[in-house]
N, C-alpha and C. Protein backbone atom coordinates (compact mmCIF):
# COMPACT_ATOMS: atom_id res chain seq x y z
N MET A 1 -19.46 8.94 30.96
CA MET A 1 -18.57 8.47 30.72
C MET A 1 -17.68 9.51 29.79
N LYS A 2 -16.70 10.00 30.15
CA LYS A 2 -15.91 10.94 29.64
C LYS A 2 -14.49 10.44 28.80
N LEU A 3 -14.29 10.62 27.75
CA LEU A 3 -13.19 10.29 27.00
C LEU A 3 -11.73 10.88 27.47
N LYS A 4 -10.94 10.05 27.59
CA LYS A 4 -9.59 10.36 28.00
C LYS A 4 -8.67 10.96 26.90
N LYS A 5 -7.84 11.49 27.03
CA LYS A 5 -6.74 11.80 25.66
C LYS A 5 -6.08 10.45 25.28
N GLY A 6 -5.70 9.33 25.97
CA GLY A 6 -5.51 7.99 25.24
C GLY A 6 -6.60 7.21 24.59
N ASP A 7 -7.72 7.59 25.23
CA ASP A 7 -8.87 6.73 24.35
C ASP A 7 -8.81 7.50 23.01
N ILE A 8 -8.72 8.60 23.03
CA ILE A 8 -8.72 9.40 21.36
C ILE A 8 -7.54 8.89 20.76
N ILE A 9 -6.38 8.69 20.96
CA ILE A 9 -5.17 8.46 20.46
C ILE A 9 -5.27 6.86 19.96
N ILE A 10 -5.88 6.28 20.65
CA ILE A 10 -6.19 4.37 20.32
C ILE A 10 -7.22 4.47 19.57
N ALA A 11 -8.64 5.48 19.37
CA ALA A 11 -9.38 5.22 18.66
C ALA A 11 -8.81 5.91 17.11
N VAL A 12 -7.92 6.86 17.38
CA VAL A 12 -7.36 7.30 15.91
C VAL A 12 -6.41 6.41 15.32
N ILE A 13 -5.63 5.74 16.06
CA ILE A 13 -4.92 4.65 15.43
C ILE A 13 -5.58 3.49 14.93
N LEU A 14 -6.54 3.06 15.47
CA LEU A 14 -7.57 2.01 15.07
C LEU A 14 -8.17 2.13 13.78
N ILE A 15 -8.48 3.71 13.74
CA ILE A 15 -9.18 4.23 12.54
C ILE A 15 -8.31 3.90 11.56
N ALA A 16 -7.19 4.34 11.47
CA ALA A 16 -6.21 4.54 10.64
C ALA A 16 -5.71 3.23 10.03
N ALA A 17 -5.48 2.32 10.94
CA ALA A 17 -5.38 0.81 10.61
C ALA A 17 -6.27 0.15 9.69
N VAL A 18 -7.40 0.33 10.28
CA VAL A 18 -8.79 -0.39 9.59
C VAL A 18 -8.81 0.51 7.58
N GLY A 19 -8.42 1.63 7.90
CA GLY A 19 -8.51 2.49 7.01
C GLY A 19 -7.72 2.16 5.77
N PHE A 20 -6.19 1.85 6.28
CA PHE A 20 -5.07 1.67 5.60
C PHE A 20 -5.44 0.16 4.98
N TRP A 21 -5.82 -0.76 6.05
CA TRP A 21 -6.15 -2.36 5.50
C TRP A 21 -7.27 -2.28 4.26
N LEU A 22 -8.24 -1.39 4.55
CA LEU A 22 -9.30 -1.38 3.33
C LEU A 22 -8.56 -0.91 2.07
N TYR A 23 -8.05 0.24 2.02
CA TYR A 23 -7.22 0.79 0.81
C TYR A 23 -6.51 -0.37 0.23
N ASN A 24 -5.59 -0.90 1.02
CA ASN A 24 -4.55 -2.31 0.32
C ASN A 24 -5.75 -3.26 0.01
N SER A 25 -6.49 -3.65 0.44
CA SER A 25 -7.41 -4.61 0.11
C SER A 25 -7.88 -4.06 -1.38
N TYR A 26 -8.27 -3.09 -1.49
CA TYR A 26 -9.03 -2.58 -2.66
C TYR A 26 -8.34 -2.01 -3.67
N ILE A 27 -7.02 -1.73 -3.40
CA ILE A 27 -6.01 -1.77 -4.43
C ILE A 27 -5.49 -2.88 -5.32
N SER A 28 -5.27 -4.16 -4.15
CA SER A 28 -4.77 -5.28 -4.63
C SER A 28 -5.95 -6.21 -5.27
N SER A 29 -7.17 -5.94 -5.24
CA SER A 29 -8.27 -6.46 -5.92
C SER A 29 -8.56 -6.05 -7.35
N ASN A 30 -8.23 -4.51 -7.31
CA ASN A 30 -8.38 -3.95 -8.28
C ASN A 30 -7.24 -3.93 -9.72
N THR A 31 -6.57 -5.02 -9.65
CA THR A 31 -5.20 -4.98 -10.70
C THR A 31 -5.63 -5.11 -12.02
N LEU A 32 -4.75 -4.45 -12.69
CA LEU A 32 -4.50 -3.97 -14.17
C LEU A 32 -4.29 -5.03 -15.00
N ILE A 33 -4.45 -6.22 -14.67
CA ILE A 33 -4.07 -7.55 -15.48
C ILE A 33 -4.83 -7.59 -17.15
N SER A 34 -3.94 -7.54 -17.99
CA SER A 34 -5.10 -7.79 -19.09
C SER A 34 -5.09 -9.20 -19.60
N SER A 35 -4.02 -9.85 -19.33
CA SER A 35 -3.84 -11.29 -19.98
C SER A 35 -2.88 -12.24 -19.57
N LEU A 36 -3.08 -13.29 -19.51
CA LEU A 36 -2.23 -14.38 -19.23
C LEU A 36 -1.41 -14.96 -20.56
N VAL A 37 -0.12 -14.84 -20.48
CA VAL A 37 0.47 -15.38 -21.60
C VAL A 37 1.39 -16.48 -21.32
N ILE A 38 1.44 -17.33 -22.14
CA ILE A 38 2.13 -18.60 -22.11
C ILE A 38 3.12 -18.93 -23.12
N GLU A 39 4.27 -18.75 -23.02
CA GLU A 39 5.44 -18.71 -23.97
C GLU A 39 6.22 -20.44 -24.05
N VAL A 40 6.19 -20.72 -25.43
CA VAL A 40 7.21 -22.15 -25.62
C VAL A 40 8.26 -21.67 -26.60
N ASN A 41 9.47 -21.94 -26.19
CA ASN A 41 10.85 -21.86 -26.82
C ASN A 41 10.93 -20.26 -27.50
N GLY A 42 10.42 -19.27 -26.56
CA GLY A 42 10.82 -17.85 -26.48
C GLY A 42 9.19 -17.19 -27.28
N SER A 43 8.35 -18.18 -27.94
CA SER A 43 7.36 -17.34 -28.89
C SER A 43 6.01 -17.68 -27.98
N THR A 44 5.02 -16.91 -28.43
CA THR A 44 3.74 -16.80 -27.65
C THR A 44 3.06 -18.54 -28.19
N TYR A 45 2.77 -19.03 -27.18
CA TYR A 45 2.03 -20.17 -27.43
C TYR A 45 0.53 -19.97 -27.40
N LYS A 46 0.27 -19.21 -26.14
CA LYS A 46 -0.95 -19.14 -25.95
C LYS A 46 -1.44 -17.57 -25.27
N LYS A 47 -2.16 -16.74 -25.45
CA LYS A 47 -2.63 -15.25 -24.56
C LYS A 47 -3.92 -15.66 -24.22
N ILE A 48 -4.21 -15.32 -23.21
CA ILE A 48 -5.73 -15.61 -22.38
C ILE A 48 -6.07 -14.04 -21.83
N PRO A 49 -6.81 -13.68 -22.42
CA PRO A 49 -7.54 -12.31 -21.75
C PRO A 49 -8.21 -12.75 -20.60
N MET A 50 -8.18 -11.74 -19.72
CA MET A 50 -8.76 -11.83 -18.27
C MET A 50 -10.18 -12.49 -18.13
N SER A 51 -10.80 -11.84 -19.23
CA SER A 51 -12.25 -12.18 -19.38
C SER A 51 -12.55 -13.30 -19.34
N GLU A 52 -11.68 -14.29 -20.32
CA GLU A 52 -11.74 -15.58 -20.47
C GLU A 52 -11.84 -16.33 -19.15
N LEU A 53 -11.10 -16.03 -18.33
CA LEU A 53 -10.37 -16.74 -17.10
C LEU A 53 -11.45 -16.17 -15.88
N LYS A 54 -12.60 -16.19 -16.39
CA LYS A 54 -13.88 -16.16 -15.06
C LYS A 54 -14.37 -17.41 -14.97
N LYS A 55 -13.72 -18.41 -15.86
CA LYS A 55 -14.19 -19.95 -15.77
C LYS A 55 -12.95 -20.62 -15.73
N GLU A 56 -12.90 -21.77 -15.05
CA GLU A 56 -11.29 -22.43 -15.29
C GLU A 56 -11.01 -22.84 -16.61
N GLN A 57 -9.75 -22.62 -16.72
CA GLN A 57 -8.84 -22.84 -18.25
C GLN A 57 -8.02 -24.23 -17.93
N HIS A 58 -7.83 -25.30 -18.79
CA HIS A 58 -6.97 -25.98 -18.69
C HIS A 58 -6.28 -26.29 -19.71
N ILE A 59 -4.95 -25.79 -19.69
CA ILE A 59 -3.88 -25.80 -21.11
C ILE A 59 -3.03 -27.05 -20.80
N HIS A 60 -2.87 -27.64 -21.78
CA HIS A 60 -1.84 -29.16 -22.01
C HIS A 60 -1.04 -28.92 -23.17
N ILE A 61 -0.01 -28.96 -22.96
CA ILE A 61 0.99 -28.69 -23.85
C ILE A 61 1.93 -30.34 -23.95
N ASP A 62 1.97 -30.55 -25.07
CA ASP A 62 3.17 -31.75 -25.26
C ASP A 62 4.23 -31.78 -26.12
N PHE A 63 5.26 -32.01 -25.53
CA PHE A 63 6.38 -31.97 -26.12
C PHE A 63 7.17 -33.39 -26.58
N GLU A 64 8.08 -33.03 -27.09
CA GLU A 64 9.25 -34.44 -27.92
C GLU A 64 9.35 -35.15 -26.14
N ASN A 65 10.09 -36.39 -26.61
CA ASN A 65 10.52 -37.29 -25.46
C ASN A 65 9.42 -37.27 -24.54
N ASN A 66 8.30 -37.37 -24.94
CA ASN A 66 6.77 -37.79 -24.08
C ASN A 66 6.77 -37.14 -22.94
N ARG A 67 7.20 -35.68 -22.88
CA ARG A 67 6.77 -34.86 -22.13
C ARG A 67 5.54 -33.89 -22.27
N HIS A 68 5.15 -33.42 -21.02
CA HIS A 68 4.12 -32.51 -21.10
C HIS A 68 3.85 -32.03 -20.17
N ILE A 69 3.35 -30.85 -20.09
CA ILE A 69 2.98 -29.54 -18.78
C ILE A 69 1.60 -29.37 -18.92
N ASP A 70 0.79 -29.43 -17.79
CA ASP A 70 -0.84 -29.15 -17.42
C ASP A 70 -0.62 -27.82 -16.65
N ILE A 71 -1.32 -26.79 -17.32
CA ILE A 71 -1.25 -25.50 -16.81
C ILE A 71 -2.90 -25.37 -16.53
N LYS A 72 -3.35 -24.84 -15.37
CA LYS A 72 -4.62 -24.33 -14.82
C LYS A 72 -4.47 -22.88 -14.70
N ALA A 73 -5.68 -22.32 -15.01
CA ALA A 73 -6.04 -20.85 -14.68
C ALA A 73 -7.32 -20.32 -14.48
N ASP A 74 -7.68 -19.70 -13.56
CA ASP A 74 -8.60 -18.91 -13.33
C ASP A 74 -8.67 -17.34 -12.92
N GLU A 75 -9.80 -16.90 -12.48
CA GLU A 75 -9.21 -15.47 -11.96
C GLU A 75 -8.52 -15.32 -10.81
N SER A 76 -8.52 -16.50 -10.18
CA SER A 76 -7.49 -16.27 -8.83
C SER A 76 -6.17 -16.24 -9.06
N GLY A 77 -5.77 -17.19 -10.32
CA GLY A 77 -4.34 -17.28 -10.31
C GLY A 77 -4.28 -18.41 -11.62
N ALA A 78 -2.69 -18.49 -11.76
CA ALA A 78 -2.52 -19.50 -12.65
C ALA A 78 -1.17 -20.45 -11.98
N TRP A 79 -1.48 -21.79 -12.29
CA TRP A 79 -0.36 -22.57 -11.97
C TRP A 79 -0.02 -23.88 -12.65
N VAL A 80 0.88 -24.44 -12.40
CA VAL A 80 1.05 -25.84 -13.09
C VAL A 80 0.52 -26.85 -12.22
N GLN A 81 -0.27 -27.50 -12.76
CA GLN A 81 -0.81 -28.85 -12.15
C GLN A 81 0.05 -29.91 -12.27
N ASP A 82 0.44 -30.38 -13.42
CA ASP A 82 1.35 -31.62 -13.52
C ASP A 82 2.27 -31.09 -14.79
N VAL A 83 3.49 -31.76 -14.58
CA VAL A 83 4.77 -31.46 -15.51
C VAL A 83 5.69 -32.60 -15.42
N ILE A 84 6.24 -33.11 -16.40
CA ILE A 84 7.04 -34.17 -16.68
C ILE A 84 8.30 -33.40 -16.89
N CYS A 85 9.20 -33.27 -15.97
CA CYS A 85 10.77 -33.06 -15.85
C CYS A 85 11.07 -33.33 -14.78
N PRO A 86 12.57 -33.32 -15.03
CA PRO A 86 13.64 -33.67 -13.85
C PRO A 86 13.23 -33.17 -12.55
N ASP A 87 13.16 -31.93 -12.40
CA ASP A 87 13.10 -31.43 -11.08
C ASP A 87 11.62 -30.64 -10.71
N LYS A 88 10.80 -30.40 -11.59
CA LYS A 88 9.46 -29.91 -11.05
C LYS A 88 9.45 -28.87 -10.51
N LEU A 89 10.23 -27.90 -10.48
CA LEU A 89 10.28 -26.53 -9.96
C LEU A 89 9.10 -25.89 -10.39
N CYS A 90 8.84 -25.84 -11.69
CA CYS A 90 7.77 -25.02 -11.92
C CYS A 90 6.40 -25.22 -11.16
N GLN A 91 6.24 -26.53 -11.02
CA GLN A 91 4.82 -27.00 -10.37
C GLN A 91 5.35 -26.66 -8.70
N LYS A 92 6.26 -26.42 -8.22
CA LYS A 92 6.54 -26.19 -6.92
C LYS A 92 6.40 -24.63 -6.60
N THR A 93 6.23 -23.77 -7.57
CA THR A 93 6.47 -22.54 -7.74
C THR A 93 5.19 -21.87 -7.03
N GLY A 94 4.12 -22.94 -7.29
CA GLY A 94 2.64 -22.58 -6.72
C GLY A 94 1.97 -21.76 -7.73
N ALA A 95 1.24 -20.98 -7.35
CA ALA A 95 0.10 -20.01 -8.12
C ALA A 95 0.83 -18.67 -8.12
N ILE A 96 0.65 -17.70 -9.49
CA ILE A 96 0.86 -16.45 -9.68
C ILE A 96 -0.51 -15.78 -9.93
N ASN A 97 -0.38 -14.60 -9.61
CA ASN A 97 -1.80 -13.72 -9.64
C ASN A 97 -1.27 -12.42 -9.72
N LYS A 98 -0.23 -12.02 -10.01
CA LYS A 98 -0.11 -10.43 -10.23
C LYS A 98 1.09 -10.19 -11.47
N VAL A 99 0.86 -8.86 -12.23
CA VAL A 99 2.05 -8.58 -12.99
C VAL A 99 3.46 -8.67 -12.09
N GLY A 100 3.92 -9.26 -13.05
CA GLY A 100 5.49 -9.37 -12.68
C GLY A 100 6.03 -10.63 -11.97
N GLN A 101 5.00 -11.57 -11.80
CA GLN A 101 5.25 -12.90 -10.94
C GLN A 101 5.15 -13.96 -12.37
N SER A 102 6.23 -14.86 -12.48
CA SER A 102 6.23 -15.77 -13.64
C SER A 102 6.46 -16.99 -13.16
N ILE A 103 6.04 -18.16 -13.96
CA ILE A 103 6.64 -19.58 -13.69
C ILE A 103 7.40 -19.84 -14.94
N VAL A 104 8.36 -20.66 -14.46
CA VAL A 104 9.72 -20.92 -15.65
C VAL A 104 9.70 -22.34 -15.56
N CYS A 105 9.65 -23.03 -16.49
CA CYS A 105 9.81 -24.81 -16.57
C CYS A 105 11.28 -24.43 -17.61
N LEU A 106 12.31 -24.47 -17.22
CA LEU A 106 13.67 -24.21 -17.80
C LEU A 106 13.57 -25.64 -18.88
N PRO A 107 13.47 -27.05 -18.51
CA PRO A 107 13.64 -28.22 -19.19
C PRO A 107 12.74 -28.30 -20.35
N ASN A 108 11.72 -27.80 -20.17
CA ASN A 108 10.63 -27.68 -21.43
C ASN A 108 10.42 -26.37 -22.29
N LYS A 109 11.18 -25.16 -21.66
CA LYS A 109 11.21 -24.06 -22.14
C LYS A 109 9.98 -23.52 -22.42
N VAL A 110 9.14 -23.33 -21.08
CA VAL A 110 7.78 -22.58 -20.90
C VAL A 110 8.04 -21.56 -19.95
N ASN A 111 7.39 -20.31 -20.41
CA ASN A 111 7.25 -19.43 -19.25
C ASN A 111 5.84 -18.75 -19.19
N ILE A 112 5.33 -18.84 -18.15
CA ILE A 112 4.11 -18.37 -17.96
C ILE A 112 4.02 -16.95 -16.85
N TYR A 113 3.34 -15.95 -17.65
CA TYR A 113 3.29 -14.91 -16.78
C TYR A 113 2.00 -13.97 -17.02
N TYR A 114 1.92 -12.97 -16.42
CA TYR A 114 0.49 -12.25 -16.63
C TYR A 114 0.99 -11.05 -17.04
N GLU A 115 0.34 -10.33 -18.09
CA GLU A 115 0.61 -9.16 -18.60
C GLU A 115 -0.38 -8.04 -18.72
N GLY A 116 0.31 -6.75 -18.21
CA GLY A 116 -0.90 -5.96 -17.78
C GLY A 116 -0.10 -4.58 -18.03
N ASP A 117 -0.94 -3.48 -17.41
CA ASP A 117 -0.92 -2.32 -17.09
C ASP A 117 -0.09 -1.94 -16.03
N GLU A 118 -0.15 -2.67 -14.95
CA GLU A 118 0.16 -2.63 -13.51
C GLU A 118 1.61 -2.56 -13.77
N GLU A 119 2.26 -1.67 -12.96
CA GLU A 119 3.92 -1.96 -12.68
C GLU A 119 4.23 -3.14 -11.53
N SER A 120 4.97 -3.59 -11.67
CA SER A 120 5.71 -4.49 -10.71
C SER A 120 5.95 -3.76 -9.63
N PRO A 121 6.10 -4.43 -8.33
CA PRO A 121 6.07 -3.52 -7.00
C PRO A 121 7.55 -3.82 -6.88
N VAL A 122 8.22 -4.58 -7.79
CA VAL A 122 9.88 -4.68 -7.31
C VAL A 122 10.64 -4.25 -8.63
N ASP A 123 11.34 -3.41 -8.43
CA ASP A 123 12.35 -2.83 -9.06
C ASP A 123 13.36 -3.59 -9.60
N ASN A 124 14.19 -4.07 -8.65
CA ASN A 124 15.33 -5.01 -8.59
C ASN A 124 15.58 -5.80 -7.55
N VAL A 125 16.15 -6.97 -7.79
CA VAL A 125 16.40 -7.95 -6.68
C VAL A 125 17.74 -8.47 -6.72
N ALA A 126 18.57 -8.33 -5.66
CA ALA A 126 19.93 -8.93 -6.00
C ALA A 126 20.40 -9.74 -4.93
N TYR A 127 20.90 -10.48 -4.89
CA TYR A 127 21.14 -11.57 -4.08
C TYR A 127 23.04 -11.71 -3.90
């Protein structure tokens, strides 16, 4: 069986695509996140190093007026499991797992984000 020019081109494209996919998978799995930060009223409430997130963490914060927020975090990400506030947008945000992503609960004045050496892939967003 003799290889044709088209066969070689298809093989090179497939090898390049697999190489690109492996490279991106390797880069995304080796993020430089150092810790998860939870801020309440603009001051740091808790800072959890990534080494402590190997097992699941549950953070419960009580506020006045019978409000609370329950945050879960592990090595795959952080998310709001339960919250008492009017719109529950922070719960609907879902999980975050990269530097530059955040979860904000405005009624309870809570900000959850990852801190690290990795630069955010987004420079600026305008709508």
